[in-house]
Protein backbone atom coordinates (compact mmCIF):
# COMPACT_ATOMS: atom_id res chain seq x y z
CA MET A 1 12.83 21.76 2.00
CA THR A 2 10.75 24.92 1.80
CA GLU A 3 11.52 27.27 -1.06
CA THR A 4 11.28 30.91 0.00
CA ASN A 5 11.75 34.24 -1.79
CA GLY A 6 13.00 32.37 -4.85
CA HIS A 7 15.79 30.69 -2.88
CA ASN A 8 16.27 26.99 -2.33
CA ASP A 9 19.89 26.80 -1.24
CA GLY A 10 19.41 24.90 2.01
CA PRO A 11 19.76 26.19 5.54
CA LEU A 12 22.11 29.11 6.11
CA LEU A 13 21.63 28.76 9.87
CA GLN A 14 20.99 25.59 11.89
CA ILE A 15 20.07 25.84 15.56
CA LYS A 16 20.34 22.44 17.24
CA ASP A 17 18.86 21.84 20.71
CA LEU A 18 19.95 25.30 21.81
CA LYS A 19 19.84 26.09 25.53
CA LYS A 20 20.53 29.29 27.45
CA HIS A 21 20.17 29.03 31.23
CA PHE A 22 20.95 31.81 33.68
CA THR A 23 21.90 31.28 37.32
CA VAL A 24 19.60 33.30 39.58
CA GLY A 25 19.38 33.53 43.40
CA ARG A 26 20.63 30.50 45.43
CA GLY A 27 21.92 28.57 42.43
CA GLN A 28 18.56 28.25 40.67
CA LYS A 29 18.50 27.99 36.87
CA LEU A 30 16.33 30.27 34.77
CA LYS A 31 15.74 28.32 31.55
CA ALA A 32 15.26 31.16 29.09
CA VAL A 33 15.87 28.97 26.03
CA ASP A 34 15.50 25.26 26.63
CA GLY A 35 16.09 22.99 23.67
CA VAL A 36 15.17 24.96 20.52
CA SER A 37 15.95 23.57 17.05
CA ILE A 38 15.39 25.70 13.94
CA GLU A 39 16.74 25.83 10.39
CA VAL A 40 16.69 29.15 8.55
CA ASN A 41 17.10 28.98 4.78
CA LYS A 42 19.15 31.46 2.83
CA GLY A 43 17.09 34.42 1.64
CA GLU A 44 14.04 33.80 3.83
CA THR A 45 12.49 35.61 6.76
CA PHE A 46 11.85 33.34 9.73
CA GLY A 47 9.40 34.88 12.21
CA LEU A 48 9.64 34.04 15.91
CA VAL A 49 6.65 34.98 18.08
CA GLY A 50 5.50 34.59 21.67
CA GLU A 51 4.66 36.50 24.82
CA SER A 52 7.19 38.60 26.70
CA GLY A 53 9.37 36.26 28.73
CA CYS A 54 9.15 33.29 26.35
CA GLY A 55 12.86 33.47 25.47
CA LYS A 56 12.73 34.71 21.88
CA SER A 57 14.97 37.78 22.43
CA THR A 58 17.45 35.68 24.44
CA LEU A 59 17.68 33.28 21.51
CA GLY A 60 18.42 36.20 19.18
CA ARG A 61 21.16 37.48 21.47
CA VAL A 62 22.79 34.05 21.55
CA LEU A 63 22.90 34.06 17.74
CA VAL A 64 24.83 37.35 17.65
CA ARG A 65 27.06 36.10 20.48
CA LEU A 66 25.97 38.59 23.09
CA TYR A 67 25.37 35.49 25.23
CA ASP A 68 27.19 32.16 25.20
CA PRO A 69 24.86 29.15 24.98
CA SER A 70 24.46 26.71 27.87
CA GLY A 71 24.09 23.81 25.45
CA GLY A 72 23.40 22.86 21.85
CA GLN A 73 24.94 24.13 18.63
CA VAL A 74 24.53 27.03 16.21
CA ILE A 75 25.83 26.12 12.73
CA TYR A 76 26.23 29.05 10.35
CA GLY A 77 27.36 28.36 6.80
CA GLY A 78 28.53 24.92 7.90
CA LYS A 79 30.62 26.21 10.83
CA ASP A 80 29.87 25.98 14.55
CA MET A 81 29.62 29.61 15.68
CA PHE A 82 30.90 28.77 19.15
CA ASP A 83 33.79 26.58 18.05
CA VAL A 84 35.78 29.06 15.95
CA ASN A 85 38.43 31.63 16.77
CA GLY A 86 40.71 34.16 15.15
CA ARG A 87 39.83 35.21 11.63
CA GLU A 88 36.87 32.80 11.33
CA GLU A 89 35.33 34.19 14.51
CA ARG A 90 35.71 37.77 13.24
CA GLU A 91 34.15 36.85 9.93
CA LEU A 92 31.14 35.25 11.62
CA HIS A 93 30.71 38.36 13.77
CA ARG A 94 30.59 40.41 10.58
CA LYS A 95 28.14 38.15 8.75
CA VAL A 96 25.54 38.06 11.58
CA GLN A 97 24.24 41.44 12.74
CA MET A 98 21.35 42.66 14.91
CA ILE A 99 18.71 45.39 14.83
CA PHE A 100 17.66 46.14 18.40
CA GLN A 101 14.19 46.79 19.80
CA ASP A 102 14.73 50.23 21.31
CA PRO A 103 16.39 52.54 18.76
CA GLN A 104 17.06 55.18 21.42
CA ALA A 105 18.74 52.88 23.95
CA SER A 106 20.80 51.06 21.30
CA LEU A 107 22.46 54.21 19.90
CA ASN A 108 25.30 55.90 21.80
CA PRO A 109 24.04 59.44 22.59
CA ARG A 110 27.60 60.81 22.61
CA MET A 111 28.44 59.63 19.10
CA THR A 112 27.46 61.25 15.82
CA VAL A 113 25.42 59.24 13.37
CA SER A 114 28.47 59.00 11.13
CA ASN A 115 30.54 57.32 13.85
CA ILE A 116 27.65 55.08 14.95
CA VAL A 117 27.13 53.75 11.43
CA ALA A 118 30.87 53.43 10.76
CA GLU A 119 31.73 51.69 14.05
CA GLY A 120 31.55 48.21 12.50
CA ILE A 121 33.47 49.42 9.44
CA ASP A 122 36.26 50.60 11.73
CA ILE A 123 36.31 47.43 13.85
CA HIS A 124 36.61 45.20 10.79
CA GLY A 125 38.95 47.54 8.91
CA LEU A 126 36.72 47.63 5.83
CA LYS A 127 37.24 51.25 4.71
CA GLN A 128 39.20 54.34 5.73
CA GLY A 129 39.27 58.06 5.07
CA ARG A 130 37.12 59.34 2.24
CA GLU A 131 35.91 55.83 1.32
CA ARG A 132 34.64 55.39 4.88
CA LEU A 133 32.67 58.64 4.75
CA ASP A 134 31.27 57.85 1.30
CA ARG A 135 30.11 54.47 2.61
CA VAL A 136 28.33 56.17 5.53
CA TYR A 137 26.58 58.56 3.11
CA GLU A 138 25.58 55.62 0.90
CA LEU A 139 24.15 53.69 3.86
CA LEU A 140 22.15 56.66 5.14
CA GLU A 141 20.62 57.19 1.71
CA THR A 142 19.90 53.46 1.42
CA VAL A 143 17.73 53.57 4.56
CA GLY A 144 15.89 56.75 3.56
CA LEU A 145 17.98 59.38 5.34
CA ASN A 146 20.42 61.83 3.76
CA ARG A 147 24.07 62.77 4.14
CA GLU A 148 23.26 65.93 6.12
CA HIS A 149 22.20 63.65 8.96
CA ALA A 150 25.72 62.22 9.37
CA ASN A 151 26.97 64.89 11.79
CA ARG A 152 23.91 64.93 14.02
CA TYR A 153 23.33 63.04 17.27
CA PRO A 154 20.64 60.42 18.00
CA HIS A 155 18.50 62.74 20.16
CA GLU A 156 17.91 64.96 17.13
CA PHE A 157 15.90 62.27 15.34
CA SER A 158 12.43 60.75 15.62
CA GLY A 159 11.97 57.14 16.70
CA GLY A 160 11.50 55.96 13.12
CA GLN A 161 14.62 57.80 11.96
CA ARG A 162 16.64 56.34 14.83
CA GLN A 163 15.57 52.84 13.83
CA ARG A 164 16.69 53.59 10.27
CA ILE A 165 20.09 54.51 11.70
CA GLY A 166 20.09 51.15 13.49
CA VAL A 167 19.35 49.42 10.18
CA ALA A 168 22.18 51.34 8.48
CA ARG A 169 24.58 50.31 11.25
CA ALA A 170 23.62 46.64 10.81
CA LEU A 171 24.15 46.88 7.03
CA ALA A 172 27.51 48.66 7.30
CA VAL A 173 29.59 45.47 7.49
CA GLU A 174 27.72 43.76 4.61
CA PRO A 175 26.09 40.95 6.63
CA ASP A 176 24.25 37.95 5.23
CA PHE A 177 22.01 37.34 8.26
CA ILE A 178 20.21 39.89 10.44
CA VAL A 179 18.49 39.22 13.76
CA ALA A 180 15.70 41.82 14.01
CA ASP A 181 14.59 41.89 17.66
CA GLU A 182 11.17 43.59 17.86
CA PRO A 183 12.46 46.25 15.43
CA VAL A 184 9.16 48.13 15.12
CA SER A 185 7.46 47.56 18.50
CA ALA A 186 8.53 50.98 19.83
CA LEU A 187 7.25 52.84 16.75
CA ASP A 188 3.90 54.32 15.71
CA VAL A 189 1.85 52.09 13.40
CA SER A 190 2.38 54.26 10.31
CA ILE A 191 6.13 54.30 10.93
CA GLN A 192 6.13 50.53 11.53
CA ALA A 193 4.92 49.97 7.97
CA GLN A 194 7.68 52.19 6.57
CA VAL A 195 10.42 50.32 8.43
CA ILE A 196 8.98 46.89 7.53
CA ASN A 197 8.77 47.85 3.86
CA LEU A 198 12.35 49.15 4.01
CA MET A 199 13.50 45.80 5.44
CA ARG A 200 11.73 43.87 2.69
CA LYS A 201 13.25 46.11 0.01
CA LEU A 202 16.75 45.67 1.46
CA GLN A 203 16.23 41.90 1.62
CA ARG A 204 15.47 41.77 -2.10
CA GLU A 205 18.31 44.07 -3.08
CA GLN A 206 21.03 42.64 -0.82
CA ASP A 207 19.97 38.98 -0.57
CA LEU A 208 19.56 39.18 3.21
CA THR A 209 18.23 36.50 5.53
CA TYR A 210 16.23 37.58 8.59
CA LEU A 211 15.26 36.16 11.94
CA PHE A 212 12.36 38.48 12.76
CA ILE A 213 11.41 38.44 16.46
CA SER A 214 8.10 39.97 17.52
CA HIS A 215 5.01 39.60 19.69
CA ASP A 216 2.85 41.21 16.97
CA LEU A 217 1.43 38.39 14.86
CA SER A 218 0.01 40.68 12.17
CA VAL A 219 3.46 42.17 11.50
CA VAL A 220 5.06 38.71 11.52
CA LYS A 221 2.52 37.36 9.00
CA TYR A 222 3.23 40.26 6.65
CA ILE A 223 7.00 39.84 6.55
CA SER A 224 7.69 36.14 7.31
CA ASP A 225 7.99 33.08 5.09
CA ARG A 226 7.86 30.68 8.05
CA VAL A 227 6.87 31.26 11.66
CA GLY A 228 7.87 29.57 14.90
CA VAL A 229 5.81 30.03 18.09
CA MET A 230 7.69 30.01 21.41
CA TYR A 231 6.33 29.34 24.87
CA LEU A 232 8.42 29.25 28.03
CA GLY A 233 11.74 28.59 26.31
CA GLN A 234 10.52 26.01 23.80
CA LEU A 235 8.99 25.99 20.32
CA VAL A 236 5.39 24.74 20.37
CA GLU A 237 4.57 25.12 16.66
CA LEU A 238 6.38 25.87 13.40
CA ALA A 239 5.01 26.12 9.86
CA ASP A 240 4.90 28.17 6.68
CA SER A 241 3.32 31.53 7.44
CA ASP A 242 0.13 30.96 5.43
CA GLU A 243 -0.30 27.44 6.84
CA LEU A 244 0.18 28.53 10.45
CA TYR A 245 -2.33 31.36 10.22
CA ALA A 246 -4.90 29.28 8.32
CA ASN A 247 -4.48 26.07 10.33
CA PRO A 248 -3.09 26.71 13.84
CA LEU A 249 -3.01 23.45 15.80
CA HIS A 250 -1.47 24.21 19.19
CA PRO A 251 -3.88 25.82 21.70
CA TYR A 252 -1.29 28.50 22.48
CA THR A 253 -0.98 29.47 18.79
CA ARG A 254 -4.78 29.59 18.54
CA ALA A 255 -4.97 31.85 21.58
CA LEU A 256 -2.36 34.23 20.17
CA LEU A 257 -4.13 34.41 16.81
CA SER A 258 -7.54 34.93 18.38
CA ALA A 259 -6.18 38.07 20.06
CA VAL A 260 -5.23 39.68 16.73
CA PRO A 261 -7.90 42.26 15.77
CA VAL A 262 -9.62 41.81 12.40
CA PRO A 263 -10.74 44.90 10.40
CA ASP A 264 -14.30 43.59 10.00
CA PRO A 265 -16.70 44.73 12.76
CA ASP A 266 -19.31 42.04 12.07
CA PHE A 267 -16.77 39.21 12.10
CA GLU A 268 -14.98 40.73 15.09
CA ASN A 269 -18.20 40.79 17.13
CA GLU A 270 -19.15 37.20 16.31
CA ARG A 271 -15.87 35.33 16.50
CA GLN A 272 -14.90 33.41 19.60
CA ARG A 273 -11.72 34.34 21.40
CA THR A 274 -9.48 31.97 23.32
CA VAL A 275 -8.66 33.73 26.57
CA LEU A 276 -5.72 32.23 28.46
CA GLN A 277 -6.06 31.96 32.22
CA GLY A 278 -3.26 33.12 34.51
CA ASP A 279 0.20 34.46 33.78
CA LEU A 280 3.20 32.90 32.09
CA PRO A 281 4.79 30.50 34.62
CA SER A 282 8.32 31.18 35.83
CA PRO A 283 11.09 29.78 33.60
CA VAL A 284 12.95 29.08 36.86
CA ASP A 285 10.39 26.41 37.76
CA PRO A 286 8.41 25.48 34.63
CA PRO A 287 5.44 23.09 34.93
CA SER A 288 6.17 19.36 34.57
CA GLY A 289 5.17 17.57 31.40
CA CYS A 290 3.55 20.01 28.99
CA ARG A 291 4.64 23.51 29.98
CA PHE A 292 1.43 25.02 28.62
CA ARG A 293 -0.91 22.78 30.63
CA THR A 294 -1.41 25.28 33.49
CA ARG A 295 -3.07 27.72 31.06
CA CYS A 296 -4.44 25.31 28.46
CA PRO A 297 -8.24 25.36 28.04
CA GLN A 298 -8.23 21.64 27.15
CA ALA A 299 -5.64 20.27 29.59
CA VAL A 300 -5.86 16.65 30.71
CA GLU A 301 -4.21 14.88 33.65
CA ALA A 302 -1.70 13.02 31.44
CA ALA A 303 -0.21 16.35 30.31
CA ALA A 304 1.41 16.76 33.75
CA HIS A 305 3.40 13.56 33.36
CA GLU A 306 4.28 13.28 29.66
CA GLU A 307 6.86 15.46 27.92
CA PRO A 308 5.28 16.51 24.59
CA GLU A 309 6.98 15.17 21.46
CA TRP A 310 8.24 17.64 18.81
CA ARG A 311 6.58 16.11 15.75
CA ASP A 312 6.46 16.83 12.00
CA ILE A 313 2.86 16.34 10.91
CA GLY A 314 3.65 16.92 7.23
CA ASP A 315 4.63 19.67 4.78
CA GLY A 316 7.02 21.22 7.28
CA HIS A 317 4.33 21.80 9.91
CA TRP A 318 5.78 20.93 13.31
CA ILE A 319 3.97 20.83 16.64
CA ARG A 320 4.79 19.98 20.23
CA ALA A 321 2.21 17.20 20.48
CA CYS A 322 0.71 17.11 23.98
CA PRO A 323 -1.77 14.40 25.14
CA CYS A 324 -4.40 17.17 25.35
CA PHE A 325 -4.76 17.49 21.62
CA ALA A 326 -2.44 14.98 19.88
């Protein structure tokens, strides 16, 4: 078991062979998430990366129960999230919260910041009256805003401030686990760093566990303890952050890392990039065998006929081992 952030308490969240398929046009199935298994340990940040359309945001939305899964299990704190009801279901809703990608679209423009932040408090009946308002003030100050902001509306804030409001809303019900879905992708680079540092500070202070979803590998490396790489609905590689960035094994991971700019002009000019050919195939009709073979620079014929095995190669480094490179 990997020890992260000083914690070694075992998995808080277990995702087992999770599937989410959507029916599109003439009964076809769009396989957005197609057999993903992940364990997230208490107190760690698990990064999930991949191109747009790989299924990472859909997976996050299943975890917060915005979507029902098509198959598999999600075990949180020893309980199946989709096999509970009543009080247990409410409690799981409270413990798992989400920070959304677009801070403007995720905030109700007709509600004041106070009511946005307190919405979860009201739903779960956590505080009322003066205690409710004091809690809103406390949350705003926790995320770097102030109590004067409580009576304003979302359009009166910058993008970075709106995302801080989104963070405050997620924290309002005292969750243990937060799904952060591209939380800084819509922000300027300088503001990204502020929000990321805020999230790390809150994690230390409130013992939070994160699933951090992003397409930006430099951001993911900075914040994550372990990283999983998704391609076309499946994980293709998973390892500790330092190990994955130092020793990427899957051709897709190598291609993603080669696209990350390095602040060294001489090295940047000399290094070889892996440029993927073509676009991401449709998840409605994924390629047979290895799903990456249609874009893989080292594809072999056998890859079209053999389903790659999800294999632990040691020290928690997992890879979808295709005949091309196994």
